[in-house]
Structure formats: structure tokens, C-alpha cells
Amino acid sequence: MLALLLALGSSLAYGCADFLGGLGARKAHVLRTVMIAAPASLAVELLLWPFLGASFDVGALGWGAASGVASAAAFAMLYRTLAIGPMNVLSPVTALVSAALPVVVGLAQGEHLGAAGLLGLPLALAAVVLVSAGHGAGAARPSRTALLLALGAGAAIALQLVFLHQAPSDSGVAPLIVGRAISSAITLTAAGLLHRRLGPERPAYAMAATAGVLDSLANLLFLLAVRSGDLTVVAVITALYPAGTVLLARGVLAERIHRGQLVGLGTAAVAVGLLALT
């Protein structure tokens, strides 16, 4: 039960972070948003260090660094994806892709997927198709570039979660600190190298920083959840995060959800629910 509650909290935090990050990337180049969000996320984890502890052994350093590289890629691709939009289509696509790889890794490591899970996984793949294809003249259809970015972001998120799961369970928040330090260094270096191409827009500082803080909280809750539960279950429950993004996009941006997409979102919800029962 604890793992379930922690995973749900992680899901909520990820959804809110994605919405704010996507909005921030609409106001300025995605790298300007990420160069604020990543250090803000690192600052939160450094503040948590005295309370949760950290053991910087070889495993924590290696897996933490790997998660940081994946995180930097995920930040950039996800925020750019959400900036292009529509959020209510692309966010679920990213979530379902990000859930599939951890399930495979969990099964490969000996976790068992029951009958519900065996039904849920193909349903999740079908949901990807449904939510990606708008129906009707006024349907909001994602561009090919946006869809490819969503798929790439999902893969990067999945790798980040898998790498965090692989870190030693007694390492405290060390993998998170190392990961965020690496991702911050990568994004700040990229922003410096591409400074002249980023345009004159000022980033939405508060929005980007809040997205980073929420992303940090989501990572922490995921790490705690996966240390007390199975990766296959925790990953798919965490993958519910588009619910928050979609609801915010509908309420704040008035993005439409058409019938076919609604079926896809419903299928995704059923798939995630079935996977969570395993």
C-alpha cells in the first residue's frame, strides 16, 4: 500500500511539472526553460540530503550519472513536445512509452506479470495509437515531429526510472543528487554553446523553477516507491501522470478532447489499472 501511495504522489507531481514545463517552453526556447528547471531540481535534492541521507558508492555514482544523462534528454524532449502540443494527446503517448520499458526490465529481473498485466500491456500499446490519431475535421492531431519527440521523451523517461531503480537501495538520495548534477551540467553546457540560437526571450523563471521542484519531488517519491514495491507496478502507476497534465491543459488552455482520443485515454486508464493489479 505504501508503494502505491508513493507512486500516485509521484504521478501527480510529474503531471503538474510537465504542464508547467510545457508552458514555460512556449514562452522561451526549451533550453532556457530546462536550464532553470534542472538546477532548481538539484537544489531541492541537496536540501533533502541531511534528512534522507546519501551514500555515494560506486553503484550510486554510476547509476545516478546514467539517470542524469537520460533525465537531460527527457527534460529537453518532453518540454519541447508539450510546447508543440497538443498536450492532451502527446502527454499520454509519452507516459505509455515510459511505462513499457520498466515493465520489460522488471519482468526480466524476475518480477511476475499476472493475467491482468498480460492483458494490460497490449491495451496500452493500442491506446498509444488511439490517442495519437485525431478523428473528425476539428480534431487536434499531433505533427510527426511532435509524435517522434513524445516517443523519444517516453524512452528517455523510462531509462531514467530504470537507472534509478538499479541504484543500491541503501544509497539514500545520492542517485538523485548525482543524476541532477549531471543533467544540470549537460543542459547548462548546451545552453552556453547554443546561446546565440536561443533567441532573446526571457524564460518564465518562476514557472520553470516550479516545474523543476515538482520533478525533483516526483523522482524522490518514485525512488522511495520502487524501493518498497515492484518496478512493474510502480512504473505503470507513475505513468498515470498525464491525467494531471490533460486536466490542466483542458482547464487552463481549453484543449479539446475528441471522441476517438477520449476512447484512447480511457483505454490507457484501463491498461494502467490492469498493469497495476499485477
Protein backbone atom coordinates (compact mmCIF):
# COMPACT_ATOMS: atom_id res chain seq x y z
CA MET A 1 0.00 0.00 0.00
CA LEU A 2 2.85 2.40 0.81
CA ALA A 3 4.44 1.85 -2.61
CA LEU A 4 1.06 2.51 -4.25
CA LEU A 5 0.55 5.80 -2.41
CA LEU A 6 4.10 6.96 -3.13
CA ALA A 7 3.71 6.09 -6.83
CA LEU A 8 0.43 8.01 -7.02
CA GLY A 9 2.10 11.02 -5.41
CA SER A 10 4.94 10.75 -7.92
CA SER A 11 2.40 10.61 -10.73
CA LEU A 12 0.65 13.77 -9.56
CA ALA A 13 3.92 15.67 -9.19
CA TYR A 14 5.14 14.60 -12.65
CA GLY A 15 1.86 15.68 -14.26
CA CYS A 16 1.97 19.16 -12.74
CA ALA A 17 5.67 19.54 -13.56
CA ASP A 18 5.09 18.59 -17.19
CA PHE A 19 2.29 21.09 -17.60
CA LEU A 20 4.34 23.96 -16.17
CA GLY A 21 7.43 22.92 -18.12
CA GLY A 22 5.46 22.77 -21.36
CA LEU A 23 4.01 26.23 -20.77
CA GLY A 24 7.45 27.59 -19.94
CA ALA A 25 8.84 26.16 -23.19
CA ARG A 26 6.16 28.07 -25.09
CA LYS A 27 7.42 31.36 -23.70
CA ALA A 28 11.11 30.79 -24.43
CA HIS A 29 13.41 28.22 -26.04
CA VAL A 30 13.19 24.83 -24.35
CA LEU A 31 16.84 25.03 -23.24
CA ARG A 32 16.14 28.29 -21.43
CA THR A 33 13.38 26.53 -19.53
CA VAL A 34 15.46 23.43 -18.77
CA MET A 35 18.48 25.46 -17.62
CA ILE A 36 16.25 26.86 -14.87
CA ALA A 37 14.30 23.68 -14.08
CA ALA A 38 17.27 21.29 -13.73
CA PRO A 39 19.28 23.34 -11.19
CA ALA A 40 16.09 24.05 -9.22
CA SER A 41 15.51 20.31 -9.05
CA LEU A 42 19.09 19.74 -7.87
CA ALA A 43 18.70 22.38 -5.15
CA VAL A 44 15.70 20.53 -3.70
CA GLU A 45 17.60 17.24 -3.53
CA LEU A 46 20.58 18.90 -1.85
CA LEU A 47 18.21 20.31 0.77
CA LEU A 48 16.84 16.81 1.39
CA TRP A 49 20.31 15.27 1.82
CA PRO A 50 20.62 15.92 5.59
CA PHE A 51 17.19 14.42 6.25
CA LEU A 52 17.27 11.34 3.98
CA GLY A 53 21.00 10.64 3.85
CA ALA A 54 23.18 9.74 0.90
CA SER A 55 25.82 7.09 0.27
CA PHE A 56 28.00 7.90 -2.74
CA ASP A 57 29.31 4.43 -3.52
CA VAL A 58 30.22 3.18 -7.00
CA GLY A 59 26.71 1.92 -7.72
CA ALA A 60 25.04 5.16 -6.68
CA LEU A 61 27.51 7.22 -8.71
CA GLY A 62 27.27 5.08 -11.85
CA TRP A 63 23.52 4.59 -11.96
CA GLY A 64 22.91 8.14 -10.79
CA ALA A 65 25.07 9.53 -13.59
CA ALA A 66 23.28 7.34 -16.15
CA SER A 67 19.92 8.58 -14.88
CA GLY A 68 21.18 12.16 -15.20
CA VAL A 69 22.05 11.73 -18.88
CA ALA A 70 18.61 10.21 -19.52
CA SER A 71 16.99 12.97 -17.47
CA ALA A 72 18.62 15.72 -19.53
CA ALA A 73 17.32 14.14 -22.72
CA ALA A 74 13.88 13.64 -21.18
CA PHE A 75 13.68 17.24 -19.95
CA ALA A 76 14.51 18.70 -23.36
CA MET A 77 12.37 16.38 -25.46
CA LEU A 78 9.38 16.35 -23.11
CA TYR A 79 9.18 20.12 -22.66
CA ARG A 80 9.62 20.66 -26.40
CA THR A 81 6.92 18.05 -27.05
CA LEU A 82 4.47 19.75 -24.69
CA ALA A 83 5.34 23.17 -26.10
CA ILE A 84 4.36 21.98 -29.60
CA GLY A 85 1.23 20.27 -28.29
CA PRO A 86 -1.48 19.26 -28.10
CA MET A 87 -0.71 18.31 -24.50
CA ASN A 88 -3.78 16.12 -24.12
CA VAL A 89 -2.52 13.76 -26.86
CA LEU A 90 1.25 13.82 -26.54
CA SER A 91 1.47 13.51 -22.76
CA PRO A 92 -0.35 10.13 -22.66
CA VAL A 93 1.78 8.85 -25.54
CA THR A 94 4.92 9.71 -23.61
CA ALA A 95 3.54 8.10 -20.46
CA LEU A 96 2.66 4.82 -22.10
CA VAL A 97 6.06 4.53 -23.74
CA SER A 98 7.75 5.37 -20.45
CA ALA A 99 5.77 2.57 -18.74
CA ALA A 100 6.57 -0.18 -21.25
CA LEU A 101 10.36 -0.39 -20.82
CA PRO A 102 10.34 -0.59 -16.98
CA VAL A 103 7.76 -3.39 -17.22
CA VAL A 104 10.08 -5.34 -19.53
CA VAL A 105 13.06 -4.74 -17.23
CA GLY A 106 11.06 -5.74 -14.15
CA LEU A 107 9.94 -8.98 -15.79
CA ALA A 108 13.50 -9.73 -16.92
CA GLN A 109 14.66 -9.33 -13.32
CA GLY A 110 12.19 -11.90 -12.05
CA GLU A 111 9.07 -9.88 -11.29
CA HIS A 112 5.88 -11.65 -12.32
CA LEU A 113 3.11 -10.24 -14.51
CA GLY A 114 -0.26 -11.87 -13.89
CA ALA A 115 -3.20 -12.36 -16.23
CA ALA A 116 -4.33 -8.75 -15.76
CA GLY A 117 -0.89 -7.48 -16.73
CA LEU A 118 -0.70 -9.68 -19.80
CA LEU A 119 -3.95 -8.08 -20.95
CA GLY A 120 -2.95 -4.58 -19.89
CA LEU A 121 0.28 -4.32 -21.90
CA PRO A 122 -1.25 -4.80 -25.39
CA LEU A 123 -4.10 -2.50 -24.37
CA ALA A 124 -1.51 0.14 -23.53
CA LEU A 125 0.05 -0.20 -26.98
CA ALA A 126 -3.40 0.11 -28.60
CA ALA A 127 -4.02 3.24 -26.54
CA VAL A 128 -0.87 4.83 -27.98
CA VAL A 129 -2.39 4.53 -31.47
CA LEU A 130 -5.79 5.82 -30.39
CA VAL A 131 -4.58 8.89 -28.56
CA SER A 132 -2.17 9.74 -31.38
CA ALA A 133 -4.77 9.77 -34.15
CA GLY A 134 -7.38 12.50 -34.02
CA HIS A 135 -10.78 11.95 -35.65
CA GLY A 136 -13.01 14.49 -37.31
CA ALA A 137 -12.32 17.76 -39.04
CA GLY A 138 -11.61 19.65 -35.87
CA ALA A 139 -9.53 17.01 -34.14
CA ALA A 140 -6.23 18.04 -32.67
CA ARG A 141 -3.66 15.89 -34.48
CA PRO A 142 -0.02 15.94 -33.41
CA SER A 143 2.60 16.57 -36.08
CA ARG A 144 5.08 13.84 -36.96
CA THR A 145 7.87 15.79 -35.25
CA ALA A 146 5.84 16.17 -32.07
CA LEU A 147 4.93 12.47 -32.04
CA LEU A 148 8.56 11.40 -32.53
CA LEU A 149 9.61 13.74 -29.73
CA ALA A 150 6.92 12.25 -27.48
CA LEU A 151 8.15 8.72 -28.19
CA GLY A 152 11.76 9.78 -27.55
CA ALA A 153 10.80 11.53 -24.34
CA GLY A 154 8.97 8.43 -23.15
CA ALA A 155 12.02 6.26 -23.81
CA ALA A 156 14.30 8.71 -22.00
CA ILE A 157 11.96 8.86 -19.00
CA ALA A 158 11.82 5.07 -18.91
CA LEU A 159 15.61 4.80 -18.90
CA GLN A 160 15.84 7.38 -16.13
CA LEU A 161 13.42 5.36 -13.98
CA VAL A 162 15.17 2.06 -14.72
CA PHE A 163 18.57 3.51 -13.85
CA LEU A 164 17.26 4.91 -10.56
CA HIS A 165 15.77 1.51 -9.75
CA GLN A 166 19.13 -0.14 -10.35
CA ALA A 167 20.90 2.09 -7.79
CA PRO A 168 21.64 0.49 -4.39
CA SER A 169 18.62 0.64 -2.08
CA ASP A 170 20.77 1.89 0.81
CA SER A 171 22.21 4.85 -1.11
CA GLY A 172 19.62 7.37 0.09
CA VAL A 173 19.18 10.33 -2.24
CA ALA A 174 22.70 10.00 -3.68
CA PRO A 175 21.50 8.73 -7.11
CA LEU A 176 19.11 11.68 -7.35
CA ILE A 177 21.80 14.22 -6.44
CA VAL A 178 24.32 12.75 -8.88
CA GLY A 179 21.71 12.48 -11.61
CA ARG A 180 20.53 16.06 -11.26
CA ALA A 181 24.11 17.36 -11.09
CA ILE A 182 24.87 15.60 -14.38
CA SER A 183 21.66 16.72 -16.09
CA SER A 184 22.19 20.30 -14.91
CA ALA A 185 25.75 20.30 -16.24
CA ILE A 186 24.60 18.93 -19.61
CA THR A 187 21.76 21.40 -20.05
CA LEU A 188 23.79 24.42 -18.91
CA THR A 189 26.64 23.45 -21.24
CA ALA A 190 24.22 23.02 -24.15
CA ALA A 191 22.61 26.36 -23.37
CA GLY A 192 26.02 28.02 -23.31
CA LEU A 193 27.09 26.52 -26.62
CA LEU A 194 23.80 27.44 -28.30
CA HIS A 195 23.40 30.80 -26.60
CA ARG A 196 23.18 32.77 -29.84
CA ARG A 197 20.48 30.47 -31.23
CA LEU A 198 18.20 30.58 -28.21
CA GLY A 199 16.60 33.89 -29.11
CA PRO A 200 16.11 36.96 -26.95
CA GLU A 201 13.10 35.66 -24.99
CA ARG A 202 13.37 35.69 -21.23
CA PRO A 203 12.40 32.35 -19.66
CA ALA A 204 9.44 32.12 -17.32
CA TYR A 205 11.68 31.82 -14.25
CA ALA A 206 9.04 31.02 -11.65
CA MET A 207 7.23 28.56 -13.91
CA ALA A 208 10.41 26.74 -14.92
CA ALA A 209 11.76 26.61 -11.35
CA THR A 210 8.47 25.26 -10.03
CA ALA A 211 8.48 22.59 -12.72
CA GLY A 212 11.98 21.58 -11.61
CA VAL A 213 10.97 21.42 -7.95
CA LEU A 214 7.95 19.26 -8.75
CA ASP A 215 10.03 17.00 -10.98
CA SER A 216 12.51 16.55 -8.14
CA LEU A 217 9.68 15.62 -5.76
CA ALA A 218 8.32 13.16 -8.32
CA ASN A 219 11.71 11.47 -8.71
CA LEU A 220 12.08 11.17 -4.94
CA LEU A 221 8.63 9.64 -4.49
CA PHE A 222 9.30 7.20 -7.34
CA LEU A 223 12.62 6.15 -5.81
CA LEU A 224 11.01 5.55 -2.42
CA ALA A 225 8.12 3.66 -4.05
CA VAL A 226 10.28 1.36 -6.13
CA ARG A 227 12.39 0.53 -3.08
CA SER A 228 9.30 -0.79 -1.32
CA GLY A 229 7.45 -2.32 -4.30
CA ASP A 230 7.87 -3.90 -7.75
CA LEU A 231 9.18 -1.85 -10.65
CA THR A 232 6.47 -3.21 -12.99
CA VAL A 233 3.68 -1.94 -10.74
CA VAL A 234 5.26 1.32 -9.56
CA ALA A 235 6.24 2.35 -13.10
CA VAL A 236 2.76 1.96 -14.56
CA ILE A 237 1.09 3.72 -11.64
CA THR A 238 3.57 6.56 -12.04
CA ALA A 239 2.60 6.57 -15.73
CA LEU A 240 -0.80 7.94 -14.71
CA TYR A 241 0.80 11.39 -14.64
CA PRO A 242 -0.82 12.55 -17.92
CA ALA A 243 -4.14 12.72 -16.07
CA GLY A 244 -2.93 15.83 -14.27
CA THR A 245 -1.41 17.30 -17.42
CA VAL A 246 -4.51 16.65 -19.51
CA LEU A 247 -6.88 18.11 -16.93
CA LEU A 248 -4.74 21.22 -16.55
CA ALA A 249 -4.44 21.58 -20.33
CA ARG A 250 -8.21 21.29 -20.69
CA GLY A 251 -9.00 23.68 -17.84
CA VAL A 252 -6.31 26.31 -18.46
CA LEU A 253 -5.69 26.06 -22.22
CA ALA A 254 -9.13 24.79 -23.28
CA GLU A 255 -7.57 22.00 -25.36
CA ARG A 256 -10.27 19.77 -26.83
CA ILE A 257 -10.52 16.02 -26.34
CA HIS A 258 -12.33 14.33 -29.24
CA ARG A 259 -14.24 11.07 -29.08
CA GLY A 260 -11.52 8.89 -30.56
CA GLN A 261 -8.92 10.42 -28.29
CA LEU A 262 -11.25 10.00 -25.32
CA VAL A 263 -11.52 6.30 -26.14
CA GLY A 264 -7.74 6.17 -26.26
CA LEU A 265 -7.40 7.89 -22.92
CA GLY A 266 -9.98 5.51 -21.44
CA THR A 267 -8.11 2.54 -22.88
CA ALA A 268 -4.90 3.89 -21.39
CA ALA A 269 -6.55 4.20 -17.99
CA VAL A 270 -7.83 0.61 -18.18
CA ALA A 271 -4.41 -0.61 -19.29
CA VAL A 272 -2.61 1.14 -16.47
CA GLY A 273 -5.18 -0.15 -14.00
CA LEU A 274 -4.75 -3.71 -15.18
CA LEU A 275 -0.99 -3.47 -15.00
CA ALA A 276 -1.24 -2.08 -11.51
CA LEU A 277 -3.15 -5.19 -10.40
CA THR A 278 -0.20 -7.47 -11.13
